[in-house]
Protein backbone atom coordinates (compact mmCIF):
# COMPACT_ATOMS: atom_id res chain seq x y z
CA MET A 1 2.63 14.32 1.19
CA THR A 2 4.45 12.91 4.22
CA SER A 3 4.66 13.50 7.98
CA LYS A 4 8.08 11.84 8.19
CA TYR A 5 9.96 15.14 8.32
CA THR A 6 9.04 17.29 11.32
CA GLY A 7 10.78 19.59 13.77
CA SER A 8 11.97 23.17 13.91
CA ASN A 9 15.57 22.24 12.94
CA LEU A 10 14.61 20.27 9.85
CA ASP A 11 17.17 20.41 7.02
CA LEU A 12 14.90 20.94 4.01
CA GLN A 13 17.67 20.42 1.49
CA GLN A 14 18.56 17.04 3.00
CA ALA A 15 14.89 16.07 3.13
CA GLY A 16 14.50 17.09 -0.50
CA ARG A 17 17.48 15.01 -1.56
CA GLU A 18 16.18 11.98 0.33
CA MET A 19 12.78 12.32 -1.33
CA GLY A 20 14.28 13.03 -4.76
CA VAL A 21 12.27 16.24 -5.28
CA THR A 22 13.17 19.73 -6.50
CA SER A 23 10.71 21.62 -4.25
CA ILE A 24 9.29 21.07 -0.79
CA VAL A 25 6.08 22.54 0.61
CA THR A 26 6.19 22.90 4.37
CA GLY A 27 4.02 24.71 6.88
CA HIS A 28 2.91 25.38 10.41
CA TYR A 29 -0.19 26.60 12.23
CA LEU A 30 -1.01 28.79 15.22
CA THR A 31 -4.19 29.08 17.25
CA GLU A 32 -5.27 32.20 19.05
CA GLY A 33 -8.67 32.29 20.68
CA ASN A 34 -11.12 30.88 18.16
CA GLN A 35 -8.89 31.68 15.18
CA LEU A 36 -6.60 29.31 13.29
CA GLU A 37 -3.69 30.68 11.26
CA VAL A 38 -2.02 28.39 8.72
CA THR A 39 1.21 29.30 6.92
CA LEU A 40 2.46 27.38 3.88
CA GLU A 41 5.82 27.83 2.19
CA ALA A 42 7.44 26.33 -0.91
CA VAL A 43 11.23 25.98 -0.86
CA ASP A 44 13.51 25.33 -3.83
CA VAL A 45 15.72 22.44 -2.70
CA ALA A 46 18.76 23.27 -4.83
CA ASN A 47 19.39 26.72 -3.34
CA ASN A 48 17.30 26.50 -0.15
CA ARG A 49 15.31 29.56 -1.25
CA SER A 50 11.66 30.29 -0.52
CA VAL A 51 9.75 30.60 -3.80
CA TRP A 52 6.24 31.05 -2.41
CA ARG A 53 4.65 31.76 0.97
CA ASP A 54 1.10 32.48 2.06
CA THR A 55 -0.90 32.64 5.27
CA ILE A 56 -4.61 32.14 5.81
CA SER A 57 -6.72 32.80 8.89
CA VAL A 58 -10.09 31.20 9.59
CA ALA A 59 -12.33 30.36 12.50
CA LYS A 60 -10.86 27.32 14.24
CA SER A 61 -14.13 25.43 13.99
CA ASP A 62 -14.61 26.12 10.27
CA ARG A 63 -12.50 23.43 8.64
CA ILE A 64 -14.42 23.57 5.38
CA ALA A 65 -13.59 27.27 5.00
CA MET A 66 -9.96 26.43 5.79
CA ARG A 67 -9.96 23.79 3.06
CA GLU A 68 -11.50 26.19 0.54
CA GLN A 69 -8.97 28.91 1.27
CA ILE A 70 -5.97 26.58 1.15
CA THR A 71 -7.18 25.04 -2.11
CA SER A 72 -7.71 28.47 -3.68
CA ARG A 73 -4.36 29.92 -2.54
CA VAL A 74 -2.45 26.84 -3.64
CA ARG A 75 -4.15 26.74 -7.03
CA GLN A 76 -3.73 30.46 -7.70
CA GLY A 77 -0.33 30.97 -6.06
CA LEU A 78 1.74 27.82 -5.62
CA VAL A 79 0.79 25.83 -8.71
CA PRO A 80 1.92 28.51 -11.22
CA VAL A 81 5.20 28.97 -9.31
CA LEU A 82 5.90 25.24 -9.69
CA GLY A 83 5.13 25.37 -13.41
CA GLY A 84 1.54 24.14 -13.36
CA SER A 85 -1.64 25.74 -14.64
CA SER A 86 -4.19 27.45 -12.42
CA ALA A 87 -6.69 27.93 -15.21
CA SER A 88 -9.04 25.12 -14.25
CA GLY A 89 -11.26 25.19 -11.20
CA GLU A 90 -11.22 22.60 -8.46
CA ALA A 91 -12.31 19.17 -9.62
CA GLY A 92 -14.22 16.64 -7.55
CA THR A 93 -16.70 17.01 -4.72
CA ARG A 94 -16.61 19.32 -1.72
CA PRO A 95 -17.55 18.57 1.89
CA LYS A 96 -20.91 19.90 3.06
CA SER A 97 -20.86 19.05 6.79
CA GLU A 98 -18.33 20.32 9.35
CA GLU A 99 -18.92 17.28 11.55
CA ALA A 100 -18.48 14.79 8.70
CA TYR A 101 -15.39 16.58 7.38
CA ASP A 102 -13.86 16.64 10.85
CA LEU A 103 -14.40 12.87 11.16
CA TYR A 104 -12.79 12.37 7.75
CA LEU A 105 -9.75 14.46 8.66
CA ARG A 106 -9.26 12.75 12.01
CA SER A 107 -9.53 9.29 10.43
CA ILE A 108 -6.52 10.04 8.22
CA ALA A 109 -4.22 10.13 11.26
CA PHE A 110 -5.10 6.57 12.35
CA PRO A 111 -2.55 3.84 11.54
CA HIS A 112 -3.46 1.10 9.10
CA ASP A 113 -2.88 -1.82 11.48
CA ALA A 114 -5.90 -3.97 12.32
CA GLY A 115 -6.94 -2.37 15.63
CA PRO A 116 -6.68 1.34 14.80
CA ASN A 117 -8.01 0.65 11.33
CA LYS A 118 -11.35 -0.43 12.82
CA GLU A 119 -11.55 2.86 14.73
CA ALA A 120 -10.91 4.85 11.57
CA LEU A 121 -13.44 2.71 9.72
CA ALA A 122 -16.15 3.52 12.26
CA MET A 123 -15.39 7.25 11.99
CA LEU A 124 -15.65 7.16 8.22
CA GLU A 125 -18.91 5.23 8.30
CA ARG A 126 -20.30 8.03 10.47
CA ALA A 127 -18.87 10.63 8.11
CA VAL A 128 -20.52 9.25 4.97
CA GLY A 129 -23.74 8.75 6.91
CA ILE A 130 -23.81 12.46 7.70
CA ASP A 131 -22.54 13.67 4.32
CA PRO A 132 -22.94 11.00 1.61
CA THR A 133 -21.81 13.36 -1.18
CA TYR A 134 -18.08 13.73 -0.42
CA ALA A 135 -16.15 11.34 -2.67
CA PRO A 136 -12.80 11.32 -0.77
CA ALA A 137 -14.57 10.11 2.38
CA TRP A 138 -16.05 7.19 0.44
CA GLY A 139 -12.62 6.47 -1.02
CA ALA A 140 -11.00 6.51 2.42
CA LEU A 141 -13.74 4.22 3.75
CA GLY A 142 -13.24 1.80 0.86
CA LEU A 143 -9.54 1.61 1.64
CA ARG A 144 -10.22 0.96 5.34
CA TYR A 145 -12.65 -1.83 4.38
CA TYR A 146 -9.88 -3.30 2.23
CA PHE A 147 -7.41 -3.23 5.11
CA ASP A 148 -9.96 -4.96 7.36
CA ALA A 149 -10.51 -7.63 4.69
CA SER A 150 -6.77 -8.19 4.18
CA TYR A 151 -5.24 -7.74 7.64
CA GLY A 152 -8.17 -7.86 10.06
CA ASP A 153 -11.01 -10.33 10.37
CA GLY A 154 -13.31 -8.80 7.74
CA GLY A 155 -12.67 -11.28 4.93
CA GLN A 156 -14.83 -11.41 1.82
CA PRO A 157 -17.71 -9.28 3.25
CA MET A 158 -15.38 -6.34 3.85
CA LEU A 159 -13.82 -6.71 0.41
CA THR A 160 -17.33 -6.46 -1.05
CA ARG A 161 -17.96 -3.35 1.02
CA SER A 162 -14.70 -1.92 -0.27
CA ASP A 163 -15.95 -2.39 -3.83
CA SER A 164 -19.22 -0.63 -3.03
CA ALA A 165 -17.53 2.31 -1.32
CA MET A 166 -15.04 2.80 -4.17
CA GLU A 167 -17.80 2.57 -6.77
CA ARG A 168 -19.77 5.19 -4.82
CA ALA A 169 -16.68 7.43 -4.73
CA LEU A 170 -16.26 7.13 -8.50
CA ALA A 171 -19.95 7.81 -9.13
CA LEU A 172 -19.52 11.07 -7.22
CA ASP A 173 -16.14 11.89 -8.78
CA PRO A 174 -15.19 9.92 -11.91
CA ASN A 175 -11.69 11.45 -11.77
CA LEU A 176 -10.86 10.05 -8.31
CA ILE A 177 -7.99 7.92 -9.56
CA SER A 178 -7.22 6.43 -6.14
CA ALA A 179 -10.66 4.79 -6.03
CA ALA A 180 -10.23 3.34 -9.52
CA ALA A 181 -6.80 2.01 -8.55
CA GLN A 182 -8.15 0.35 -5.42
CA LEU A 183 -10.81 -1.43 -7.45
CA VAL A 184 -7.95 -2.90 -9.48
CA ALA A 185 -6.34 -4.22 -6.29
CA ASN A 186 -9.68 -5.65 -5.14
CA GLN A 187 -10.08 -7.49 -8.45
CA MET A 188 -6.52 -8.78 -8.18
CA ASP A 189 -7.05 -10.08 -4.66
CA ARG A 190 -9.94 -12.14 -6.03
CA GLY A 191 -7.65 -13.62 -8.68
CA ASN A 192 -9.21 -11.77 -11.64
CA LEU A 193 -5.81 -11.24 -13.23
CA GLY A 194 -6.82 -10.52 -16.83
CA HIS A 195 -9.58 -8.09 -15.87
CA ALA A 196 -7.38 -6.31 -13.35
CA TYR A 197 -4.60 -5.92 -15.93
CA ALA A 198 -7.00 -4.38 -18.45
CA GLN A 199 -8.25 -1.89 -15.85
CA ALA A 200 -4.76 -0.98 -14.66
CA SER A 201 -3.40 -0.53 -18.18
CA THR A 202 -6.32 1.74 -19.03
CA LEU A 203 -5.63 3.83 -15.93
CA VAL A 204 -1.98 4.32 -16.88
CA LYS A 205 -2.86 5.26 -20.47
CA ARG A 206 -5.49 7.73 -19.25
CA ARG A 207 -3.37 9.20 -16.46
CA PRO A 208 0.33 8.58 -17.20
CA GLU A 209 1.29 11.28 -14.66
CA SER A 210 -0.55 9.49 -11.84
CA ALA A 211 1.67 7.66 -9.35
CA ILE A 212 -1.22 5.60 -8.02
CA ALA A 213 -2.08 4.41 -11.55
CA HIS A 214 1.46 3.10 -12.06
CA PHE A 215 1.31 1.48 -8.62
CA ALA A 216 -1.94 -0.30 -9.56
CA LEU A 217 -0.25 -1.68 -12.68
CA SER A 218 2.78 -2.79 -10.63
CA TYR A 219 0.41 -4.65 -8.29
CA VAL A 220 -1.10 -6.63 -11.16
CA LEU A 221 2.29 -7.34 -12.75
CA ARG A 222 3.58 -8.70 -9.42
CA TYR A 223 0.70 -11.17 -9.28
CA ALA A 224 1.40 -12.10 -12.90
CA GLY A 225 4.96 -12.97 -11.88
CA LEU A 226 6.47 -10.32 -14.18
CA LEU A 227 8.67 -8.95 -11.44
CA ASP A 228 11.03 -6.85 -13.56
CA ASP A 229 8.06 -5.08 -15.16
CA ALA A 230 6.44 -4.66 -11.74
CA ALA A 231 9.66 -3.17 -10.36
CA ARG A 232 9.78 -0.57 -13.14
CA GLU A 233 6.21 0.51 -12.41
CA CYS A 234 7.03 0.69 -8.69
CA ASP A 235 9.99 2.94 -9.44
CA THR A 236 7.84 5.17 -11.63
CA ALA A 237 5.21 5.45 -8.89
CA LEU A 238 7.82 6.32 -6.28
CA LYS A 239 9.43 8.91 -8.53
CA LEU A 240 6.07 10.62 -9.00
CA ASP A 241 5.06 10.46 -5.32
CA ARG A 242 7.86 9.87 -2.82
CA GLY A 243 5.72 9.73 0.31
CA ASN A 244 2.74 7.50 -0.46
CA TYR A 245 2.63 4.70 2.13
CA GLN A 246 0.40 2.59 -0.13
CA PHE A 247 3.40 1.90 -2.34
CA ARG A 248 4.83 -0.13 0.56
CA SER A 249 3.66 -3.38 -1.03
CA CYS A 250 6.20 -2.87 -3.82
CA ALA A 251 8.60 -4.21 -1.18
CA TRP A 252 7.26 -7.70 -1.94
CA THR A 253 8.39 -7.33 -5.56
CA PHE A 254 11.96 -6.47 -4.62
CA ARG A 255 12.07 -9.06 -1.83
CA GLU A 256 11.07 -11.79 -4.28
CA LEU A 257 13.73 -10.53 -6.70
CA GLY A 258 16.35 -10.91 -3.96
CA GLN A 259 16.99 -7.15 -3.69
CA PRO A 260 16.68 -6.49 0.07
CA GLN A 261 17.94 -2.90 0.04
CA ARG A 262 15.35 -1.86 -2.53
CA ALA A 263 12.69 -3.78 -0.63
CA MET A 264 13.50 -1.89 2.56
CA GLU A 265 13.22 1.42 0.70
CA PHE A 266 9.54 0.67 0.19
CA VAL A 267 9.04 -0.82 3.67
CA ARG A 268 10.19 2.50 5.14
CA LEU A 269 7.23 4.24 3.50
CA ASP A 270 5.14 2.75 6.32
CA ALA A 271 7.79 2.62 9.03
CA GLY A 272 6.54 1.73 12.50
CA SER A 273 3.55 -0.33 11.37
CA GLU A 274 2.93 -4.01 12.06
CA TRP A 275 2.94 -4.55 8.31
CA ALA A 276 6.45 -3.09 8.04
CA ALA A 277 7.71 -5.22 10.95
CA ARG A 278 6.32 -8.39 9.37
CA LEU A 279 7.89 -7.77 5.98
CA THR A 280 11.17 -6.72 7.58
CA ALA A 281 11.30 -10.16 9.23
CA PHE A 282 10.86 -11.84 5.82
CA ILE A 283 13.66 -9.74 4.34
CA LEU A 284 16.07 -10.31 7.23
CA MET A 285 15.49 -14.06 7.27
CA GLY A 286 16.20 -14.19 3.56
CA GLN A 287 19.52 -12.45 4.24
CA GLY A 288 20.37 -14.81 7.09
CA GLU A 289 20.18 -12.00 9.68
CA LEU A 290 18.28 -14.09 12.19
CA ALA A 291 19.03 -12.12 15.37
CA GLU A 292 17.70 -8.98 13.72
CA ALA A 293 14.64 -10.88 12.47
CA ARG A 294 13.84 -11.94 16.05
CA GLN A 295 13.74 -8.29 17.07
CA THR A 296 10.73 -7.68 14.81
CA ILE A 297 8.52 -10.17 16.67
CA PRO A 298 7.38 -7.85 19.50
CA LYS A 299 6.37 -5.24 16.91
CA THR A 300 3.60 -7.40 15.43
CA SER A 301 0.32 -8.70 16.81
CA GLY A 302 -0.60 -12.33 17.31
CA ALA A 303 -3.02 -12.34 14.37
CA PRO A 304 -2.39 -15.51 12.31
CA LEU A 305 -1.54 -13.69 9.08
CA MET A 306 0.98 -11.46 10.83
CA GLY A 307 3.12 -14.58 11.16
CA SER A 308 4.87 -13.49 14.37
CA ASP A 309 4.46 -16.90 16.04
CA LEU A 310 5.82 -18.68 12.98
CA VAL A 311 8.89 -16.44 12.93
CA ARG A 312 9.40 -16.93 16.69
CA TYR A 313 9.24 -20.73 16.61
CA CYS A 314 11.04 -21.04 13.27
CA LEU A 315 14.05 -19.24 14.75
CA ASP A 316 14.05 -21.36 17.92
CA PRO A 317 15.18 -24.96 17.33
CA GLN A 318 13.78 -25.97 20.74
CA GLN A 319 10.19 -25.20 19.63
CA THR A 320 9.58 -27.96 17.07
CA SER A 321 6.15 -28.97 18.38
CA GLN A 322 5.02 -25.36 18.59
CA LEU A 323 6.29 -24.78 15.06
CA ASP A 324 4.23 -27.68 13.71
CA ARG A 325 1.07 -26.40 15.40
CA THR A 326 1.65 -22.81 14.28
CA ALA A 327 2.33 -23.92 10.71
CA GLN A 328 -1.04 -25.71 10.63
CA MET A 329 -2.85 -22.63 11.93
CA LEU A 330 -1.11 -20.32 9.48
CA GLU A 331 -1.82 -22.60 6.54
CA ALA A 332 -5.51 -22.70 7.47
CA ALA A 333 -5.68 -18.91 7.82
CA ALA A 334 -3.95 -18.31 4.47
CA LEU A 335 -6.21 -20.77 2.65
CA ALA A 336 -9.31 -19.21 4.22
CA GLY A 337 -8.42 -15.74 2.93
CA VAL A 338 -9.50 -14.32 -0.40
CA ASP A 339 -6.08 -13.11 -1.54
CA ALA A 340 -3.62 -15.60 -3.01
CA GLU A 341 -0.47 -13.58 -2.30
CA PRO A 342 -0.27 -14.54 1.43
CA ARG A 343 -0.37 -18.16 0.31
CA TYR A 344 2.79 -17.63 -1.69
CA ASN A 345 4.51 -15.52 0.99
CA TYR A 346 3.82 -17.95 3.81
CA GLY A 347 4.46 -20.94 1.58
CA ALA A 348 7.95 -19.53 1.01
CA LEU A 349 8.42 -18.88 4.73
CA LEU A 350 7.16 -22.33 5.71
CA SER A 351 9.60 -23.93 3.28
CA TYR A 352 12.43 -21.94 4.90
CA CYS A 353 11.25 -23.20 8.30
CA GLY A 354 11.33 -26.84 7.18
CA GLN A 355 7.56 -27.24 6.87
CA LYS A 356 7.77 -28.60 3.34
CA ASP A 357 4.36 -30.28 3.03
CA ALA A 358 2.44 -27.21 4.17
CA ALA A 359 4.67 -25.04 1.96
CA VAL A 360 3.89 -27.13 -1.12
CA ARG A 361 0.14 -26.95 -0.47
CA LEU A 362 0.19 -23.17 -0.05
CA LEU A 363 2.40 -22.53 -3.06
CA LYS A 364 0.28 -24.78 -5.26
CA SER A 365 -2.89 -23.02 -4.10
CA ALA A 366 -1.34 -19.60 -4.82
CA PHE A 367 -0.65 -20.59 -8.44
CA GLU A 368 -4.10 -22.11 -8.83
CA HIS A 369 -5.59 -18.77 -7.74
CA ASN A 370 -3.54 -16.67 -10.18
CA TYR A 371 -0.52 -15.66 -8.16
CA CYS A 372 1.87 -16.64 -10.94
CA ALA A 373 5.19 -16.44 -9.08
CA TYR A 374 7.31 -18.03 -11.81
CA THR A 375 10.24 -15.64 -11.43
CA ALA A 376 9.94 -15.49 -7.65
CA LEU A 377 10.30 -19.26 -7.34
CA GLN A 378 13.72 -18.90 -8.96
CA THR A 379 14.92 -15.77 -7.14
CA ASP A 380 13.27 -15.69 -3.69
CA PRO A 381 16.01 -16.01 -1.01
CA LEU A 382 13.66 -17.96 1.26
CA LEU A 383 13.40 -20.74 -1.33
CA VAL A 384 17.10 -21.47 -1.76
CA LYS A 385 16.93 -24.90 -0.08
CA PHE A 386 13.49 -25.69 -1.49
CA ARG A 387 14.78 -25.36 -5.05
CA GLY A 388 16.76 -28.56 -4.49
CA THR A 389 13.69 -30.69 -3.62
CA PRO A 390 11.80 -33.07 -5.95
CA GLU A 391 8.61 -31.00 -5.54
CA PHE A 392 10.15 -27.82 -6.93
CA SER A 393 10.04 -28.63 -10.65
CA ALA A 394 6.33 -29.45 -10.57
CA LEU A 395 5.57 -26.17 -8.77
CA LEU A 396 7.73 -24.24 -11.23
CA SER A 397 5.74 -25.76 -14.10
CA ALA A 398 2.47 -24.82 -12.39
CA ALA A 399 3.64 -21.23 -11.92
CA LYS A 400 4.71 -21.04 -15.57
CA GLU A 401 1.33 -22.39 -16.68
CA CYS A 402 -0.37 -19.72 -14.56
CA GLN A 403 1.78 -17.00 -16.15
CA ASN A 404 1.32 -18.31 -19.70
CA LYS A 405 -2.45 -18.22 -19.25
CA PHE A 406 -2.22 -14.55 -18.24
CA LEU A 407 0.13 -13.69 -21.13
CA ALA A 408 -2.29 -15.28 -23.59
CA GLN A 409 -5.15 -13.20 -22.15
CA ARG A 410 -3.03 -10.07 -22.29
CA ASP A 411 -1.94 -10.64 -25.88
CA GLN A 412 -5.49 -11.43 -26.96
CA GLY A 413 -6.63 -8.13 -25.47
CA LEU A 414 -4.03 -6.23 -27.50
CA HIS A 415 -5.45 -7.43 -30.81
């Protein structure tokens, strides 16, 4: 599902080709008095022909009834048209409170950047307080806690809350694959590489048709430094679900492989966000497109792990003293975080900016905490100059040791 394609003059065939799909479901709604009318239509991309259309009408204030009707019509009408089975009933939990469900729906529209994420988080905490039985609300809350831990100021406490929310979601709905996948990411951010790999592999075996399961495995493989394997899982996830913004982090895999065009394909899944602007700067600097990289700076906040100040001063040779101070602050922020991946990413950027000592410390810490970037050290465009330094060989050995430890754990688990 995506909101990228809107407007009355939308070319559905072009949108379908861009997304790599054979059918598109589109729709619109009308309000009249206290009634809400929703029309859904499925279009075959190849011949631009409508293959299914249905309209429902409910009281505008009754969102739960709207959900029930849409679910029923889609299951009984659309799914068979697209070749699926409508035999089974709806799985999972159902909302019980109009107020809580409204809060859940409105939270979905909030961006994932640090500020708006806190607003969405507060809405979801209210939602689960009112109706603690709706699994998707717990899953959405767990994801917002994760974003606050990773990109806000929540740190370890919010990561722990994310675990609890996802576990609650799975207790209510054991088939909520998105919650299981997020628990894999949470384990990986803590450096539990072997355990996360076992969980992700089990998810893929259990649900090979699930895009989010393949994404979870790609996440673990990226941390293990197996970038080619990670890239294949990213491609599988994207093929199964072309519009999922969570797959954006696959951009790191392709950036580290030195494939900027593929990296930008995944960045565009979350176009307009601070996260996308930050990663775009990394990609552009690796390509030597420094003027374009400067243009990303106003699109990010001043939060230390957004790196906007580092990019600004790195690209301005007159700001040496400011660069030194910013590098120290960024190093401290990266080391204080739970996740090892920012240590690698900013270690690479600091090396590009001539801050070799800080870069070495961050890269070494990343490997010590199971971010085994053995391939990335050899392919990352930001490390071109660093690969000629005396420190490089020792770091490459440390990354290889990290990866070998994981491979031994993986192989042991297969026997």
